[in-house]
C-alpha atoms as a PDB file:
ATOM      1  CA  MET A   1      39.534-100.371 -75.513  1.00  0.00           C
ATOM      2  CA  LYS A   2      38.173-102.004 -72.411  1.00  0.00           C
ATOM      3  CA  HIS A   3      40.630-103.779 -70.143  1.00  0.00           C
ATOM      4  CA  PRO A   4      39.593-107.065 -68.531  1.00  0.00           C
ATOM      5  CA  GLU A   5      38.922-107.106 -64.834  1.00  0.00           C
ATOM      6  CA  PRO A   6      41.929-108.121 -62.722  1.00  0.00           C
ATOM      7  CA  ASP A   7      41.923-111.771 -61.819  1.00  0.00           C
ATOM      8  CA  ASP A   8      42.589-112.702 -58.200  1.00  0.00           C
ATOM      9  CA  THR A   9      43.984-116.143 -59.011  1.00  0.00           C
ATOM     10  CA  PRO A  10      47.684-116.398 -58.189  1.00  0.00           C
ATOM     11  CA  ILE A  11      50.224-116.821 -60.959  1.00  0.00           C
ATOM     12  CA  VAL A  12      52.297-119.979 -60.627  1.00  0.00           C
ATOM     13  CA  ILE A  13      55.883-119.395 -61.675  1.00  0.00           C
ATOM     14  CA  THR A  14      56.327-123.038 -62.719  1.00  0.00           C
ATOM     15  CA  ASP A  15      53.892-122.380 -65.581  1.00  0.00           C
ATOM     16  CA  ALA A  16      56.375-119.971 -67.161  1.00  0.00           C
ATOM     17  CA  ALA A  17      58.052-121.021 -70.374  1.00  0.00           C
ATOM     18  CA  ARG A  18      61.767-121.761 -70.430  1.00  0.00           C
ATOM     19  CA  SER A  19      64.006-118.884 -71.336  1.00  0.00           C
ATOM     20  CA  HIS A  20      65.336-118.726 -74.882  1.00  0.00           C
ATOM     21  CA  ASP A  21      68.908-119.201 -73.636  1.00  0.00           C
ATOM     22  CA  ASP A  22      68.002-122.353 -71.676  1.00  0.00           C
ATOM     23  CA  GLU A  23      66.174-123.781 -74.653  1.00  0.00           C
ATOM     24  CA  LEU A  24      69.053-122.998 -77.006  1.00  0.00           C
ATOM     25  CA  THR A  25      71.523-124.624 -74.603  1.00  0.00           C
ATOM     26  CA  ALA A  26      69.429-127.792 -74.458  1.00  0.00           C
ATOM     27  CA  ARG A  27      69.191-127.895 -78.256  1.00  0.00           C
ATOM     28  CA  ARG A  28      72.947-127.473 -78.650  1.00  0.00           C
ATOM     29  CA  ARG A  29      73.564-130.238 -76.127  1.00  0.00           C
ATOM     30  CA  ARG A  30      71.268-132.660 -77.993  1.00  0.00           C
ATOM     31  CA  TYR A  31      72.927-131.819 -81.323  1.00  0.00           C
ATOM     32  CA  SER A  32      76.430-132.264 -79.883  1.00  0.00           C
ATOM     33  CA  ILE A  33      75.562-135.621 -78.339  1.00  0.00           C
ATOM     34  CA  MET A  34      74.084-136.977 -81.558  1.00  0.00           C
ATOM     35  CA  MET A  35      76.951-135.734 -83.704  1.00  0.00           C
ATOM     36  CA  GLY A  36      79.381-137.058 -81.110  1.00  0.00           C
ATOM     37  CA  LEU A  37      77.908-140.522 -81.644  1.00  0.00           C
ATOM     38  CA  ARG A  38      78.836-140.425 -85.318  1.00  0.00           C
ATOM     39  CA  VAL A  39      82.589-140.268 -84.744  1.00  0.00           C
ATOM     40  CA  PRO A  40      82.751-143.442 -82.610  1.00  0.00           C
ATOM     41  CA  CYS A  41      80.598-145.267 -85.178  1.00  0.00           C
ATOM     42  CA  LEU A  42      83.042-144.405 -87.951  1.00  0.00           C
ATOM     43  CA  VAL A  43      86.083-145.246 -85.795  1.00  0.00           C
ATOM     44  CA  LEU A  44      84.558-148.588 -84.815  1.00  0.00           C
ATOM     45  CA  ALA A  45      83.750-149.291 -88.471  1.00  0.00           C
ATOM     46  CA  ALA A  46      87.411-148.686 -89.328  1.00  0.00           C
ATOM     47  CA  LEU A  47      88.520-150.987 -86.499  1.00  0.00           C
ATOM     48  CA  PHE A  48      86.156-153.760 -87.617  1.00  0.00           C
ATOM     49  CA  TYR A  49      87.072-153.595 -91.314  1.00  0.00           C
ATOM     50  CA  GLN A  50      87.857-157.335 -91.235  1.00  0.00           C
ATOM     51  CA  THR A  51      84.237-158.040 -90.289  1.00  0.00           C
ATOM     52  CA  PRO A  52      82.476-156.479 -93.287  1.00  0.00           C
ATOM     53  CA  TRP A  53      78.900-156.889 -92.052  1.00  0.00           C
ATOM     54  CA  LEU A  54      79.716-155.148 -88.752  1.00  0.00           C
ATOM     55  CA  ALA A  55      81.694-152.359 -90.417  1.00  0.00           C
ATOM     56  CA  ALA A  56      78.929-151.809 -92.968  1.00  0.00           C
ATOM     57  CA  GLY A  57      76.303-151.795 -90.210  1.00  0.00           C
ATOM     58  CA  LEU A  58      78.176-149.135 -88.257  1.00  0.00           C
ATOM     59  CA  ILE A  59      78.642-146.994 -91.369  1.00  0.00           C
ATOM     60  CA  ILE A  60      74.966-147.343 -92.287  1.00  0.00           C
ATOM     61  CA  LEU A  61      74.061-146.415 -88.712  1.00  0.00           C
ATOM     62  CA  SER A  62      76.201-143.275 -88.892  1.00  0.00           C
ATOM     63  CA  ILE A  63      74.762-142.025 -92.210  1.00  0.00           C
ATOM     64  CA  PRO A  64      71.386-140.670 -90.918  1.00  0.00           C
ATOM     65  CA  LEU A  65      72.852-139.263 -87.686  1.00  0.00           C
ATOM     66  CA  PRO A  66      73.564-135.723 -89.017  1.00  0.00           C
ATOM     67  CA  TRP A  67      70.072-135.449 -90.471  1.00  0.00           C
ATOM     68  CA  MET A  68      68.480-136.769 -87.278  1.00  0.00           C
ATOM     69  CA  ALA A  69      70.643-134.447 -85.162  1.00  0.00           C
ATOM     70  CA  VAL A  70      69.449-131.391 -87.091  1.00  0.00           C
ATOM     71  CA  ILE A  71      65.799-132.438 -86.983  1.00  0.00           C
ATOM     72  CA  ILE A  72      65.881-133.214 -83.255  1.00  0.00           C
ATOM     73  CA  ALA A  73      67.914-130.119 -82.360  1.00  0.00           C
ATOM     74  CA  ASN A  74      65.534-127.845 -84.273  1.00  0.00           C
ATOM     75  CA  ASP A  75      62.520-129.336 -82.539  1.00  0.00           C
ATOM     76  CA  ARG A  76      61.216-127.216 -79.715  1.00  0.00           C
ATOM     77  CA  LEU A  77      61.415-128.673 -76.237  1.00  0.00           C
ATOM     78  CA  PRO A  78      58.127-130.069 -74.936  1.00  0.00           C
ATOM     79  CA  ILE A  79      55.995-127.756 -72.860  1.00  0.00           C
ATOM     80  CA  LYS A  80      55.706-128.923 -69.294  1.00  0.00           C
ATOM     81  CA  ARG A  81      52.093-129.471 -68.398  1.00  0.00           C
ATOM     82  CA  SER A  82      52.105-129.879 -64.684  1.00  0.00           C
ATOM     83  CA  GLY A  83      48.940-129.422 -62.779  1.00  0.00           C
ATOM     84  CA  PHE A  84      48.208-129.839 -59.159  1.00  0.00           C
ATOM     85  CA  ARG A  85      46.047-132.750 -58.207  1.00  0.00           C
ATOM     86  CA  ARG A  86      44.179-131.853 -55.113  1.00  0.00           C
ATOM     87  CA  TYR A  87      42.465-134.218 -52.756  1.00  0.00           C
ATOM     88  CA  ARG A  88      38.754-133.629 -52.989  1.00  0.00           C
ATOM     89  CA  GLY A  89      37.468-135.997 -50.334  1.00  0.00           C
ATOM     90  CA  GLU A  90      36.527-139.618 -50.657  1.00  0.00           C
ATOM     91  CA  LEU A  91      35.837-140.952 -54.082  1.00  0.00           C
ATOM     92  CA  GLU A  92      32.435-142.330 -54.750  1.00  0.00           C
ATOM     93  CA  ALA A  93      32.262-146.098 -54.818  1.00  0.00           C
ATOM     94  CA  PRO A  94      31.556-147.578 -58.227  1.00  0.00           C
ATOM     95  CA  PRO A  95      27.928-148.584 -58.729  1.00  0.00           C
ATOM     96  CA  GLN A  96      27.181-152.066 -57.482  1.00  0.00           C
ATOM     97  CA  ARG A  97      26.293-154.726 -59.996  1.00  0.00           C
ATOM     98  CA  SER A  98      22.965-156.387 -59.802  1.00  0.00           C
ATOM     99  CA  GLU A  99      22.804-159.862 -58.313  1.00  0.00           C
ATOM    100  CA  GLU A 100      22.244-161.361 -61.722  1.00  0.00           C
ATOM    101  CA  ARG A 101      25.677-162.371 -63.011  1.00  0.00           C
ATOM    102  CA  ARG A 102      26.646-163.852 -66.277  1.00  0.00           C
ATOM    103  CA  GLY A 103      29.855-165.758 -66.636  1.00  0.00           C
ATOM    104  CA  LEU A 104      31.605-168.884 -65.509  1.00  0.00           C
ATOM    105  CA  ASP A 105      30.729-168.691 -61.813  1.00  0.00           C
ATOM    106  CA  PRO A 106      28.137-171.290 -60.742  1.00  0.00           C
END
């Protein structure tokens, strides 16, 4: 098997993927935050039992939270796509329009 020729371009460490532990920590944090929002919704619904539309709204809001928390926590973190934008000299001016103009100008 033939090995490719070594490449002289430097390796940028910021292009490396996150470690599995860092990614797992971020996922756990997102899950905990979303599930932590469910408890206050249910407590507020119990406090506002005399206002049925508000209590029902808070309960309905808290129903999909566990499902959403699992879906969002299982989603992989986005890959950072950071590239360097280098200055390459002056930009070319856009092509000039011809003298013939169409529009509202007299």
